[in-house]
């Protein structure tokens, strides 16, 4: 047996495993694509102010996290403890912002079904 060649047991079929992996990836990509389309379709009947509010909320969260929370680093002197404090505050802020986003801007995509035979 050559030095670079792996000793593969006979019951492992590399071709079959690669095909199975490909189909698993394809199914996952199809589910993500279908969910993206459902999100777009669910936003169709939505008022324009709701759509703009979603964009403004996300922009405000990014500005808060990037401008306001980074002041913690400058006030505390960029020490290890200040980075830990910043990371903790950022984690809580993102968690809270995500919960508020879900509460205010959630969409129900469960009623949209492309394949009625399922």
PDB file of N, CA and C in Angstrom:
ATOM      1  N   UNK A   1       0.847  -1.173   0.000  1.00  0.00           N
ATOM      2  CA  UNK A   1       0.000   0.000   0.000  1.00  0.00           C
ATOM      3  C   UNK A   1       0.892   1.236   0.000  1.00  0.00           C
ATOM      4  N   UNK A   2       0.539   2.226  -0.812  1.00  0.00           N
ATOM      5  CA  UNK A   2       1.343   3.439  -0.910  1.00  0.00           C
ATOM      6  C   UNK A   2       1.205   4.276   0.347  1.00  0.00           C
ATOM      7  N   UNK A   3       2.159   5.178   0.536  1.00  0.00           N
ATOM      8  CA  UNK A   3       2.228   5.956   1.766  1.00  0.00           C
ATOM      9  C   UNK A   3       1.082   6.957   1.895  1.00  0.00           C
ATOM     10  N   UNK A   4       0.644   7.640   0.856  1.00  0.00           N
ATOM     11  CA  UNK A   4      -0.398   8.657   0.905  1.00  0.00           C
ATOM     12  C   UNK A   4      -1.808   8.103   0.845  1.00  0.00           C
ATOM     13  N   UNK A   5      -1.957   6.801   0.591  1.00  0.00           N
ATOM     14  CA  UNK A   5      -3.275   6.209   0.414  1.00  0.00           C
ATOM     15  C   UNK A   5      -3.827   5.775   1.770  1.00  0.00           C
ATOM     16  N   UNK A   6      -5.113   6.130   2.008  1.00  0.00           N
ATOM     17  CA  UNK A   6      -5.759   5.760   3.258  1.00  0.00           C
ATOM     18  C   UNK A   6      -6.283   4.335   3.170  1.00  0.00           C
ATOM     19  N   UNK A   7      -6.327   3.671   4.299  1.00  0.00           N
ATOM     20  CA  UNK A   7      -6.889   2.330   4.353  1.00  0.00           C
ATOM     21  C   UNK A   7      -8.376   2.461   4.649  1.00  0.00           C
ATOM     22  N   UNK A   8      -9.201   2.346   3.606  1.00  0.00           N
ATOM     23  CA  UNK A   8     -10.644   2.517   3.723  1.00  0.00           C
ATOM     24  C   UNK A   8     -11.291   1.140   3.785  1.00  0.00           C
ATOM     25  N   UNK A   9     -12.150   0.932   4.789  1.00  0.00           N
ATOM     26  CA  UNK A   9     -12.849  -0.354   4.837  1.00  0.00           C
ATOM     27  C   UNK A   9     -13.710  -0.560   3.599  1.00  0.00           C
ATOM     28  N   UNK A  10     -13.955  -1.803   3.256  1.00  0.00           N
ATOM     29  CA  UNK A  10     -14.699  -2.131   2.056  1.00  0.00           C
ATOM     30  C   UNK A  10     -16.169  -1.750   2.103  1.00  0.00           C
ATOM     31  N   UNK A  11     -16.746  -1.590   3.292  1.00  0.00           N
ATOM     32  CA  UNK A  11     -18.167  -1.289   3.376  1.00  0.00           C
ATOM     33  C   UNK A  11     -18.471   0.189   3.150  1.00  0.00           C
ATOM     34  N   UNK A  12     -17.459   1.046   3.077  1.00  0.00           N
ATOM     35  CA  UNK A  12     -17.678   2.473   2.820  1.00  0.00           C
ATOM     36  C   UNK A  12     -17.556   2.730   1.328  1.00  0.00           C
ATOM     37  N   UNK A  13     -18.626   3.212   0.748  1.00  0.00           N
ATOM     38  CA  UNK A  13     -18.668   3.508  -0.681  1.00  0.00           C
ATOM     39  C   UNK A  13     -18.498   5.007  -0.860  1.00  0.00           C
ATOM     40  N   UNK A  14     -17.321   5.419  -1.321  1.00  0.00           N
ATOM     41  CA  UNK A  14     -17.050   6.858  -1.452  1.00  0.00           C
ATOM     42  C   UNK A  14     -17.990   7.528  -2.439  1.00  0.00           C
ATOM     43  N   UNK A  15     -18.301   6.860  -3.516  1.00  0.00           N
ATOM     44  CA  UNK A  15     -19.202   7.432  -4.514  1.00  0.00           C
ATOM     45  C   UNK A  15     -20.603   7.597  -3.942  1.00  0.00           C
ATOM     46  N   UNK A  16     -21.083   6.583  -3.256  1.00  0.00           N
ATOM     47  CA  UNK A  16     -22.421   6.650  -2.657  1.00  0.00           C
ATOM     48  C   UNK A  16     -22.495   7.706  -1.567  1.00  0.00           C
ATOM     49  N   UNK A  17     -21.443   7.802  -0.762  1.00  0.00           N
ATOM     50  CA  UNK A  17     -21.414   8.809   0.304  1.00  0.00           C
ATOM     51  C   UNK A  17     -21.392  10.219  -0.269  1.00  0.00           C
ATOM     52  N   UNK A  18     -20.646  10.427  -1.348  1.00  0.00           N
ATOM     53  CA  UNK A  18     -20.586  11.766  -1.939  1.00  0.00           C
ATOM     54  C   UNK A  18     -21.922  12.138  -2.571  1.00  0.00           C
ATOM     55  N   UNK A  19     -22.602  11.159  -3.176  1.00  0.00           N
ATOM     56  CA  UNK A  19     -23.931  11.439  -3.738  1.00  0.00           C
ATOM     57  C   UNK A  19     -24.927  11.753  -2.628  1.00  0.00           C
ATOM     58  N   UNK A  20     -24.878  11.009  -1.536  1.00  0.00           N
ATOM     59  CA  UNK A  20     -25.784  11.255  -0.411  1.00  0.00           C
ATOM     60  C   UNK A  20     -25.521  12.632   0.197  1.00  0.00           C
ATOM     61  N   UNK A  21     -24.254  13.012   0.309  1.00  0.00           N
ATOM     62  CA  UNK A  21     -23.924  14.336   0.840  1.00  0.00           C
ATOM     63  C   UNK A  21     -24.429  15.432  -0.084  1.00  0.00           C
ATOM     64  N   UNK A  22     -24.295  15.226  -1.389  1.00  0.00           N
ATOM     65  CA  UNK A  22     -24.796  16.206  -2.347  1.00  0.00           C
ATOM     66  C   UNK A  22     -26.291  16.392  -2.192  1.00  0.00           C
ATOM     67  N   UNK A  23     -27.054  15.306  -2.076  1.00  0.00           N
ATOM     68  CA  UNK A  23     -28.516  15.422  -1.974  1.00  0.00           C
ATOM     69  C   UNK A  23     -28.942  16.036  -0.641  1.00  0.00           C
ATOM     70  N   UNK A  24     -28.186  15.783   0.432  1.00  0.00           N
ATOM     71  CA  UNK A  24     -28.487  16.441   1.705  1.00  0.00           C
ATOM     72  C   UNK A  24     -28.287  17.946   1.587  1.00  0.00           C
ATOM     73  N   UNK A  25     -27.193  18.363   0.955  1.00  0.00           N
ATOM     74  CA  UNK A  25     -26.934  19.795   0.751  1.00  0.00           C
ATOM     75  C   UNK A  25     -27.992  20.427  -0.141  1.00  0.00           C
ATOM     76  N   UNK A  26     -28.403  19.703  -1.191  1.00  0.00           N
ATOM     77  CA  UNK A  26     -29.417  20.241  -2.096  1.00  0.00           C
ATOM     78  C   UNK A  26     -30.746  20.424  -1.382  1.00  0.00           C
ATOM     79  N   UNK A  27     -31.152  19.452  -0.563  1.00  0.00           N
ATOM     80  CA  UNK A  27     -32.410  19.576   0.182  1.00  0.00           C
ATOM     81  C   UNK A  27     -32.359  20.750   1.150  1.00  0.00           C
ATOM     82  N   UNK A  28     -31.223  20.936   1.814  1.00  0.00           N
ATOM     83  CA  UNK A  28     -31.090  22.060   2.744  1.00  0.00           C
ATOM     84  C   UNK A  28     -31.153  23.391   1.991  1.00  0.00           C
ATOM     85  N   UNK A  29     -30.506  23.466   0.831  1.00  0.00           N
ATOM     86  CA  UNK A  29     -30.547  24.697   0.033  1.00  0.00           C
ATOM     87  C   UNK A  29     -31.959  24.961  -0.484  1.00  0.00           C
ATOM     88  N   UNK A  30     -32.671  23.904  -0.865  1.00  0.00           N
ATOM     89  CA  UNK A  30     -34.048  24.066  -1.335  1.00  0.00           C
ATOM     90  C   UNK A  30     -34.949  24.591  -0.225  1.00  0.00           C
ATOM     91  N   UNK A  31     -34.764  24.083   0.998  1.00  0.00           N
ATOM     92  CA  UNK A  31     -35.565  24.574   2.134  1.00  0.00           C
ATOM     93  C   UNK A  31     -35.287  26.040   2.409  1.00  0.00           C
ATOM     94  N   UNK A  32     -34.002  26.449   2.372  1.00  0.00           N
ATOM     95  CA  UNK A  32     -33.661  27.858   2.602  1.00  0.00           C
ATOM     96  C   UNK A  32     -34.253  28.738   1.507  1.00  0.00           C
ATOM     97  N   UNK A  33     -34.170  28.297   0.260  1.00  0.00           N
ATOM     98  CA  UNK A  33     -34.715  29.070  -0.859  1.00  0.00           C
ATOM     99  C   UNK A  33     -36.232  29.207  -0.716  1.00  0.00           C
ATOM    100  N   UNK A  34     -36.891  28.115  -0.369  1.00  0.00           N
ATOM    101  CA  UNK A  34     -38.339  28.149  -0.195  1.00  0.00           C
ATOM    102  C   UNK A  34     -38.738  29.100   0.942  1.00  0.00           C
ATOM    103  N   UNK A  35     -37.989  29.080   2.035  1.00  0.00           N
ATOM    104  CA  UNK A  35     -38.289  29.996   3.148  1.00  0.00           C
ATOM    105  C   UNK A  35     -38.064  31.447   2.759  1.00  0.00           C
ATOM    106  N   UNK A  36     -37.024  31.726   1.980  1.00  0.00           N
ATOM    107  CA  UNK A  36     -36.804  33.109   1.521  1.00  0.00           C
ATOM    108  C   UNK A  36     -37.973  33.577   0.662  1.00  0.00           C
ATOM    109  N   UNK A  37     -38.455  32.715  -0.219  1.00  0.00           N
ATOM    110  CA  UNK A  37     -39.589  33.079  -1.072  1.00  0.00           C
ATOM    111  C   UNK A  37     -40.834  33.292  -0.218  1.00  0.00           C
ATOM    112  N   UNK A  38     -41.021  32.448   0.790  1.00  0.00           N
ATOM    113  CA  UNK A  38     -42.173  32.616   1.680  1.00  0.00           C
ATOM    114  C   UNK A  38     -42.112  33.941   2.432  1.00  0.00           C
ATOM    115  N   UNK A  39     -40.911  34.341   2.875  1.00  0.00           N
ATOM    116  CA  UNK A  39     -40.770  35.621   3.579  1.00  0.00           C
ATOM    117  C   UNK A  39     -41.150  36.774   2.655  1.00  0.00           C
ATOM    118  N   UNK A  40     -40.719  36.706   1.414  1.00  0.00           N
ATOM    119  CA  UNK A  40     -41.048  37.769   0.458  1.00  0.00           C
ATOM    120  C   UNK A  40     -42.547  37.802   0.195  1.00  0.00           C
ATOM    121  N   UNK A  41     -43.149  36.642   0.014  1.00  0.00           N
ATOM    122  CA  UNK A  41     -44.594  36.591  -0.237  1.00  0.00           C
ATOM    123  C   UNK A  41     -45.395  37.055   0.976  1.00  0.00           C
ATOM    124  N   UNK A  42     -44.917  36.773   2.175  1.00  0.00           N
ATOM    125  CA  UNK A  42     -45.621  37.201   3.382  1.00  0.00           C
ATOM    126  C   UNK A  42     -45.562  38.715   3.550  1.00  0.00           C
ATOM    127  N   UNK A  43     -44.543  39.362   2.992  1.00  0.00           N
ATOM    128  CA  UNK A  43     -44.410  40.812   3.095  1.00  0.00           C
ATOM    129  C   UNK A  43     -45.224  41.546   2.048  1.00  0.00           C
ATOM    130  N   UNK A  44     -45.816  40.823   1.084  1.00  0.00           N
ATOM    131  CA  UNK A  44     -46.537  41.463  -0.006  1.00  0.00           C
ATOM    132  C   UNK A  44     -47.682  42.345   0.454  1.00  0.00           C
ATOM    133  N   UNK A  45     -48.515  41.883   1.369  1.00  0.00           N
ATOM    134  CA  UNK A  45     -49.668  42.649   1.803  1.00  0.00           C
ATOM    135  C   UNK A  45     -49.371  43.603   2.949  1.00  0.00           C
ATOM    136  N   UNK A  46     -48.123  43.737   3.283  1.00  0.00           N
ATOM    137  CA  UNK A  46     -47.719  44.539   4.426  1.00  0.00           C
ATOM    138  C   UNK A  46     -47.710  46.030   4.079  1.00  0.00           C
ATOM    139  N   UNK A  47     -48.120  46.900   5.008  1.00  0.00           N
ATOM    140  CA  UNK A  47     -48.058  48.337   4.736  1.00  0.00           C
ATOM    141  C   UNK A  47     -46.612  48.810   4.530  1.00  0.00           C
ATOM    142  N   UNK A  48     -46.462  49.854   3.754  1.00  0.00           N
ATOM    143  CA  UNK A  48     -45.133  50.374   3.440  1.00  0.00           C
ATOM    144  C   UNK A  48     -44.406  50.862   4.694  1.00  0.00           C
ATOM    145  N   UNK A  49     -45.135  51.470   5.621  1.00  0.00           N
ATOM    146  CA  UNK A  49     -44.498  51.963   6.851  1.00  0.00           C
ATOM    147  C   UNK A  49     -43.945  50.814   7.694  1.00  0.00           C
ATOM    148  N   UNK A  50     -44.597  49.681   7.655  1.00  0.00           N
ATOM    149  CA  UNK A  50     -44.093  48.510   8.386  1.00  0.00           C
ATOM    150  C   UNK A  50     -42.771  48.036   7.777  1.00  0.00           C
ATOM    151  N   UNK A  51     -42.709  48.007   6.468  1.00  0.00           N
ATOM    152  CA  UNK A  51     -41.474  47.605   5.786  1.00  0.00           C
ATOM    153  C   UNK A  51     -40.358  48.602   6.049  1.00  0.00           C
ATOM    154  N   UNK A  52     -40.664  49.883   5.972  1.00  0.00           N
ATOM    155  CA  UNK A  52     -39.658  50.905   6.268  1.00  0.00           C
ATOM    156  C   UNK A  52     -39.246  50.854   7.739  1.00  0.00           C
ATOM    157  N   UNK A  53     -40.210  50.596   8.617  1.00  0.00           N
ATOM    158  CA  UNK A  53     -39.902  50.483  10.037  1.00  0.00           C
ATOM    159  C   UNK A  53     -38.925  49.356  10.315  1.00  0.00           C
ATOM    160  N   UNK A  54     -39.084  48.245   9.605  1.00  0.00           N
ATOM    161  CA  UNK A  54     -38.163  47.114   9.760  1.00  0.00           C
ATOM    162  C   UNK A  54     -36.743  47.539   9.393  1.00  0.00           C
ATOM    163  N   UNK A  55     -36.598  48.239   8.279  1.00  0.00           N
ATOM    164  CA  UNK A  55     -35.267  48.684   7.842  1.00  0.00           C
ATOM    165  C   UNK A  55     -34.684  49.710   8.814  1.00  0.00           C
ATOM    166  N   UNK A  56     -35.506  50.625   9.268  1.00  0.00           N
ATOM    167  CA  UNK A  56     -35.029  51.635  10.222  1.00  0.00           C
ATOM    168  C   UNK A  56     -34.641  51.002  11.554  1.00  0.00           C
ATOM    169  N   UNK A  57     -35.402  50.031  12.001  1.00  0.00           N
ATOM    170  CA  UNK A  57     -35.077  49.358  13.263  1.00  0.00           C
ATOM    171  C   UNK A  57     -33.729  48.653  13.165  1.00  0.00           C
ATOM    172  N   UNK A  58     -33.509  47.927  12.081  1.00  0.00           N
ATOM    173  CA  UNK A  58     -32.233  47.225  11.914  1.00  0.00           C
ATOM    174  C   UNK A  58     -31.084  48.222  11.826  1.00  0.00           C
ATOM    175  N   UNK A  59     -31.291  49.321  11.096  1.00  0.00           N
ATOM    176  CA  UNK A  59     -30.248  50.346  10.997  1.00  0.00           C
ATOM    177  C   UNK A  59     -29.962  50.957  12.356  1.00  0.00           C
ATOM    178  N   UNK A  60     -31.009  51.225  13.117  1.00  0.00           N
ATOM    179  CA  UNK A  60     -30.823  51.790  14.460  1.00  0.00           C
ATOM    180  C   UNK A  60     -30.078  50.835  15.375  1.00  0.00           C
ATOM    181  N   UNK A  61     -30.380  49.545  15.280  1.00  0.00           N
ATOM    182  CA  UNK A  61     -29.679  48.556  16.104  1.00  0.00           C
ATOM    183  C   UNK A  61     -28.198  48.487  15.747  1.00  0.00           C
ATOM    184  N   UNK A  62     -27.911  48.521  14.459  1.00  0.00           N
ATOM    185  CA  UNK A  62     -26.509  48.479  14.022  1.00  0.00           C
ATOM    186  C   UNK A  62     -25.769  49.720  14.508  1.00  0.00           C
ATOM    187  N   UNK A  63     -26.399  50.879  14.387  1.00  0.00           N
ATOM    188  CA  UNK A  63     -25.760  52.110  14.859  1.00  0.00           C
ATOM    189  C   UNK A  63     -25.556  52.077  16.374  1.00  0.00           C
ATOM    190  N   UNK A  64     -26.546  51.598  17.118  1.00  0.00           N
ATOM    191  CA  UNK A  64     -26.409  51.514  18.571  1.00  0.00           C
ATOM    192  C   UNK A  64     -25.278  50.574  18.952  1.00  0.00           C
ATOM    193  N   UNK A  65     -25.271  49.381  18.333  1.00  0.00           N
ATOM    194  CA  UNK A  65     -24.243  48.396  18.674  1.00  0.00           C
ATOM    195  C   UNK A  65     -22.857  48.855  18.253  1.00  0.00           C
ATOM    196  N   UNK A  66     -22.768  49.533  17.121  1.00  0.00           N
ATOM    197  CA  UNK A  66     -21.458  49.944  16.604  1.00  0.00           C
ATOM    198  C   UNK A  66     -20.944  51.259  17.141  1.00  0.00           C
ATOM    199  N   UNK A  67     -21.833  52.180  17.507  1.00  0.00           N
ATOM    200  CA  UNK A  67     -21.374  53.496  17.967  1.00  0.00           C
ATOM    201  C   UNK A  67     -21.501  53.681  19.474  1.00  0.00           C
ATOM    202  N   UNK A  68     -22.637  53.337  20.015  1.00  0.00           N
ATOM    203  CA  UNK A  68     -22.877  53.586  21.438  1.00  0.00           C
ATOM    204  C   UNK A  68     -22.156  52.559  22.305  1.00  0.00           C
ATOM    205  N   UNK A  69     -22.302  51.293  22.000  1.00  0.00           N
ATOM    206  CA  UNK A  69     -21.686  50.272  22.844  1.00  0.00           C
ATOM    207  C   UNK A  69     -20.163  50.275  22.776  1.00  0.00           C
ATOM    208  N   UNK A  70     -19.597  50.700  21.667  1.00  0.00           N
ATOM    209  CA  UNK A  70     -18.131  50.745  21.591  1.00  0.00           C
ATOM    210  C   UNK A  70     -17.540  51.837  22.486  1.00  0.00           C
ATOM    211  N   UNK A  71     -18.385  52.765  22.940  1.00  0.00           N
ATOM    212  CA  UNK A  71     -17.906  53.775  23.880  1.00  0.00           C
ATOM    213  C   UNK A  71     -17.434  53.142  25.181  1.00  0.00           C
ATOM    214  N   UNK A  72     -17.963  51.962  25.507  1.00  0.00           N
ATOM    215  CA  UNK A  72     -17.525  51.250  26.712  1.00  0.00           C
ATOM    216  C   UNK A  72     -16.026  51.001  26.639  1.00  0.00           C
ATOM    217  N   UNK A  73     -15.543  50.645  25.467  1.00  0.00           N
ATOM    218  CA  UNK A  73     -14.105  50.378  25.299  1.00  0.00           C
ATOM    219  C   UNK A  73     -13.276  51.638  25.513  1.00  0.00           C
ATOM    220  N   UNK A  74     -13.755  52.773  25.030  1.00  0.00           N
ATOM    221  CA  UNK A  74     -12.990  54.004  25.149  1.00  0.00           C
ATOM    222  C   UNK A  74     -13.043  54.565  26.565  1.00  0.00           C
ATOM    223  N   UNK A  75     -14.170  54.397  27.233  1.00  0.00           N
ATOM    224  CA  UNK A  75     -14.309  54.904  28.597  1.00  0.00           C
ATOM    225  C   UNK A  75     -13.482  54.079  29.572  1.00  0.00           C
ATOM    226  N   UNK A  76     -13.453  52.761  29.391  1.00  0.00           N
ATOM    227  CA  UNK A  76     -12.751  51.895  30.338  1.00  0.00           C
ATOM    228  C   UNK A  76     -11.295  51.633  29.970  1.00  0.00           C
ATOM    229  N   UNK A  77     -10.822  52.132  28.865  1.00  0.00           N
ATOM    230  CA  UNK A  77      -9.398  52.073  28.559  1.00  0.00           C
ATOM    231  C   UNK A  77      -8.925  50.869  27.771  1.00  0.00           C
ATOM    232  N   UNK A  78      -9.777  50.156  27.099  1.00  0.00           N
ATOM    233  CA  UNK A  78      -9.417  49.033  26.225  1.00  0.00           C
ATOM    234  C   UNK A  78      -8.617  47.939  26.942  1.00  0.00           C
ATOM    235  N   UNK A  79      -8.988  47.634  28.154  1.00  0.00           N
ATOM    236  CA  UNK A  79      -8.354  46.546  28.889  1.00  0.00           C
ATOM    237  C   UNK A  79      -9.099  45.250  28.588  1.00  0.00           C
ATOM    238  N   UNK A  80      -8.564  44.175  29.091  1.00  0.00           N
ATOM    239  CA  UNK A  80      -9.217  42.880  28.895  1.00  0.00           C
ATOM    240  C   UNK A  80     -10.598  42.880  29.548  1.00  0.00           C
ATOM    241  N   UNK A  81     -10.686  43.461  30.733  1.00  0.00           N
ATOM    242  CA  UNK A  81     -11.966  43.533  31.426  1.00  0.00           C
ATOM    243  C   UNK A  81     -12.973  44.369  30.633  1.00  0.00           C
ATOM    244  N   UNK A  82     -12.518  45.423  29.982  1.00  0.00           N
ATOM    245  CA  UNK A  82     -13.440  46.245  29.193  1.00  0.00           C
ATOM    246  C   UNK A  82     -13.944  45.480  27.966  1.00  0.00           C
ATOM    247  N   UNK A  83     -13.103  44.639  27.369  1.00  0.00           N
ATOM    248  CA  UNK A  83     -13.544  43.825  26.236  1.00  0.00           C
ATOM    249  C   UNK A  83     -14.575  42.790  26.692  1.00  0.00           C
ATOM    250  N   UNK A  84     -14.370  42.231  27.875  1.00  0.00           N
ATOM    251  CA  UNK A  84     -15.338  41.275  28.418  1.00  0.00           C
ATOM    252  C   UNK A  84     -16.657  41.987  28.698  1.00  0.00           C
ATOM    253  N   UNK A  85     -16.587  43.166  29.286  1.00  0.00           N
ATOM    254  CA  UNK A  85     -17.791  43.955  29.551  1.00  0.00           C
ATOM    255  C   UNK A  85     -18.496  44.318  28.247  1.00  0.00           C
ATOM    256  N   UNK A  86     -17.727  44.733  27.250  1.00  0.00           N
ATOM    257  CA  UNK A  86     -18.308  45.071  25.940  1.00  0.00           C
ATOM    258  C   UNK A  86     -18.984  43.858  25.308  1.00  0.00           C
ATOM    259  N   UNK A  87     -18.318  42.723  25.336  1.00  0.00           N
ATOM    260  CA  UNK A  87     -18.895  41.505  24.762  1.00  0.00           C
ATOM    261  C   UNK A  87     -20.178  41.095  25.474  1.00  0.00           C
ATOM    262  N   UNK A  88     -20.187  41.214  26.791  1.00  0.00           N
ATOM    263  CA  UNK A  88     -21.384  40.880  27.559  1.00  0.00           C
ATOM    264  C   UNK A  88     -22.525  41.826  27.226  1.00  0.00           C
ATOM    265  N   UNK A  89     -22.243  43.122  27.222  1.00  0.00           N
ATOM    266  CA  UNK A  89     -23.272  44.102  26.888  1.00  0.00           C
ATOM    267  C   UNK A  89     -23.779  43.921  25.458  1.00  0.00           C
ATOM    268  N   UNK A  90     -22.877  43.640  24.536  1.00  0.00           N
ATOM    269  CA  UNK A  90     -23.269  43.418  23.147  1.00  0.00           C
ATOM    270  C   UNK A  90     -24.156  42.176  23.029  1.00  0.00           C
ATOM    271  N   UNK A  91     -23.806  41.122  23.743  1.00  0.00           N
ATOM    272  CA  UNK A  91     -24.625  39.914  23.726  1.00  0.00           C
ATOM    273  C   UNK A  91     -26.029  40.174  24.246  1.00  0.00           C
ATOM    274  N   UNK A  92     -26.133  40.892  25.377  1.00  0.00           N
ATOM    275  CA  UNK A  92     -27.455  41.229  25.907  1.00  0.00           C
ATOM    276  C   UNK A  92     -28.222  42.141  24.959  1.00  0.00           C
ATOM    277  N   UNK A  93     -27.533  43.111  24.359  1.00  0.00           N
ATOM    278  CA  UNK A  93     -28.198  44.040  23.441  1.00  0.00           C
ATOM    279  C   UNK A  93     -28.742  43.304  22.222  1.00  0.00           C
ATOM    280  N   UNK A  94     -27.954  42.421  21.646  1.00  0.00           N
ATOM    281  CA  UNK A  94     -28.395  41.682  20.459  1.00  0.00           C
ATOM    282  C   UNK A  94     -29.559  40.762  20.817  1.00  0.00           C
ATOM    283  N   UNK A  95     -29.496  40.123  21.975  1.00  0.00           N
ATOM    284  CA  UNK A  95     -30.591  39.259  22.416  1.00  0.00           C
ATOM    285  C   UNK A  95     -31.882  40.074  22.582  1.00  0.00           C
ATOM    286  N   UNK A  96     -31.798  41.202  23.252  1.00  0.00           N
ATOM    287  CA  UNK A  96     -32.962  42.056  23.460  1.00  0.00           C
ATOM    288  C   UNK A  96     -33.485  42.606  22.137  1.00  0.00           C
ATOM    289  N   UNK A  97     -32.578  43.061  21.261  1.00  0.00           N
ATOM    290  CA  UNK A  97     -32.979  43.611  19.967  1.00  0.00           C
ATOM    291  C   UNK A  97     -33.655  42.537  19.116  1.00  0.00           C
ATOM    292  N   UNK A  98     -33.174  41.324  19.166  1.00  0.00           N
ATOM    293  CA  UNK A  98     -33.774  40.234  18.402  1.00  0.00           C
ATOM    294  C   UNK A  98     -35.189  39.923  18.901  1.00  0.00           C
ATOM    295  N   UNK A  99     -35.350  39.905  20.222  1.00  0.00           N
ATOM    296  CA  UNK A  99     -36.687  39.657  20.785  1.00  0.00           C
ATOM    297  C   UNK A  99     -37.658  40.755  20.387  1.00  0.00           C
ATOM    298  N   UNK A 100     -37.227  42.011  20.415  1.00  0.00           N
ATOM    299  CA  UNK A 100     -38.095  43.121  20.021  1.00  0.00           C
ATOM    300  C   UNK A 100     -38.420  43.040  18.529  1.00  0.00           C
ATOM    301  N   UNK A 101     -37.437  42.682  17.716  1.00  0.00           N
ATOM    302  CA  UNK A 101     -37.662  42.539  16.276  1.00  0.00           C
ATOM    303  C   UNK A 101     -38.713  41.455  16.020  1.00  0.00           C
ATOM    304  N   UNK A 102     -38.566  40.314  16.690  1.00  0.00           N
ATOM    305  CA  UNK A 102     -39.532  39.228  16.506  1.00  0.00           C
ATOM    306  C   UNK A 102     -40.926  39.641  16.968  1.00  0.00           C
ATOM    307  N   UNK A 103     -41.004  40.431  18.019  1.00  0.00           N
ATOM    308  CA  UNK A 103     -42.306  40.854  18.528  1.00  0.00           C
ATOM    309  C   UNK A 103     -42.974  41.857  17.588  1.00  0.00           C
ATOM    310  N   UNK A 104     -42.210  42.784  17.055  1.00  0.00           N
ATOM    311  CA  UNK A 104     -42.786  43.862  16.246  1.00  0.00           C
ATOM    312  C   UNK A 104     -42.934  43.511  14.772  1.00  0.00           C
ATOM    313  N   UNK A 105     -42.008  42.746  14.233  1.00  0.00           N
ATOM    314  CA  UNK A 105     -41.959  42.549  12.790  1.00  0.00           C
ATOM    315  C   UNK A 105     -42.085  41.090  12.360  1.00  0.00           C
ATOM    316  N   UNK A 106     -42.612  40.234  13.205  1.00  0.00           N
ATOM    317  CA  UNK A 106     -42.684  38.816  12.839  1.00  0.00           C
ATOM    318  C   UNK A 106     -43.680  38.602  11.703  1.00  0.00           C
ATOM    319  N   UNK A 107     -43.384  37.622  10.877  1.00  0.00           N
ATOM    320  CA  UNK A 107     -44.239  37.244   9.752  1.00  0.00           C
ATOM    321  C   UNK A 107     -44.639  35.786   9.916  1.00  0.00           C
ATOM    322  N   UNK A 108     -45.862  35.474   9.557  1.00  0.00           N
ATOM    323  CA  UNK A 108     -46.342  34.104   9.627  1.00  0.00           C
ATOM    324  C   UNK A 108     -46.207  33.465   8.246  1.00  0.00           C
ATOM    325  N   UNK A 109     -45.179  32.611   8.107  1.00  0.00           N
ATOM    326  CA  UNK A 109     -44.972  31.956   6.820  1.00  0.00           C
ATOM    327  C   UNK A 109     -45.544  30.542   6.831  1.00  0.00           C
ATOM    328  N   UNK A 110     -46.125  30.125   7.937  1.00  0.00           N
ATOM    329  CA  UNK A 110     -46.627  28.756   8.029  1.00  0.00           C
ATOM    330  C   UNK A 110     -47.867  28.550   7.155  1.00  0.00           C
ATOM    331  N   UNK A 111     -48.592  29.611   6.832  1.00  0.00           N
ATOM    332  CA  UNK A 111     -49.796  29.462   6.017  1.00  0.00           C
ATOM    333  C   UNK A 111     -49.489  29.374   4.522  1.00  0.00           C
ATOM    334  N   UNK A 112     -48.261  29.667   4.130  1.00  0.00           N
ATOM    335  CA  UNK A 112     -47.874  29.608   2.730  1.00  0.00           C
ATOM    336  C   UNK A 112     -47.299  28.224   2.459  1.00  0.00           C
ATOM    337  N   UNK A 113     -47.937  27.499   1.549  1.00  0.00           N
ATOM    338  CA  UNK A 113     -47.498  26.151   1.226  1.00  0.00           C
ATOM    339  C   UNK A 113     -47.466  26.021  -0.301  1.00  0.00           C
ATOM    340  N   UNK A 114     -46.298  25.703  -0.835  1.00  0.00           N
ATOM    341  CA  UNK A 114     -46.147  25.571  -2.275  1.00  0.00           C
ATOM    342  C   UNK A 114     -46.602  24.203  -2.768  1.00  0.00           C
ATOM    343  N   UNK A 115     -46.459  23.206  -1.933  1.00  0.00           N
ATOM    344  CA  UNK A 115     -46.806  21.845  -2.332  1.00  0.00           C
ATOM    345  C   UNK A 115     -47.943  21.368  -1.436  1.00  0.00           C
ATOM    346  N   UNK A 116     -49.142  21.373  -1.946  1.00  0.00           N
ATOM    347  CA  UNK A 116     -50.311  21.013  -1.124  1.00  0.00           C
ATOM    348  C   UNK A 116     -50.416  19.520  -0.874  1.00  0.00           C
ATOM    349  N   UNK A 117     -49.590  18.714  -1.517  1.00  0.00           N
ATOM    350  CA  UNK A 117     -49.673  17.271  -1.335  1.00  0.00           C
ATOM    351  C   UNK A 117     -48.950  16.809  -0.071  1.00  0.00           C
ATOM    352  N   UNK A 118     -48.157  17.679   0.568  1.00  0.00           N
ATOM    353  CA  UNK A 118     -47.435  17.300   1.782  1.00  0.00           C
ATOM    354  C   UNK A 118     -48.318  17.237   2.970  1.00  0.00           C
TER     355      UNK A 118
END
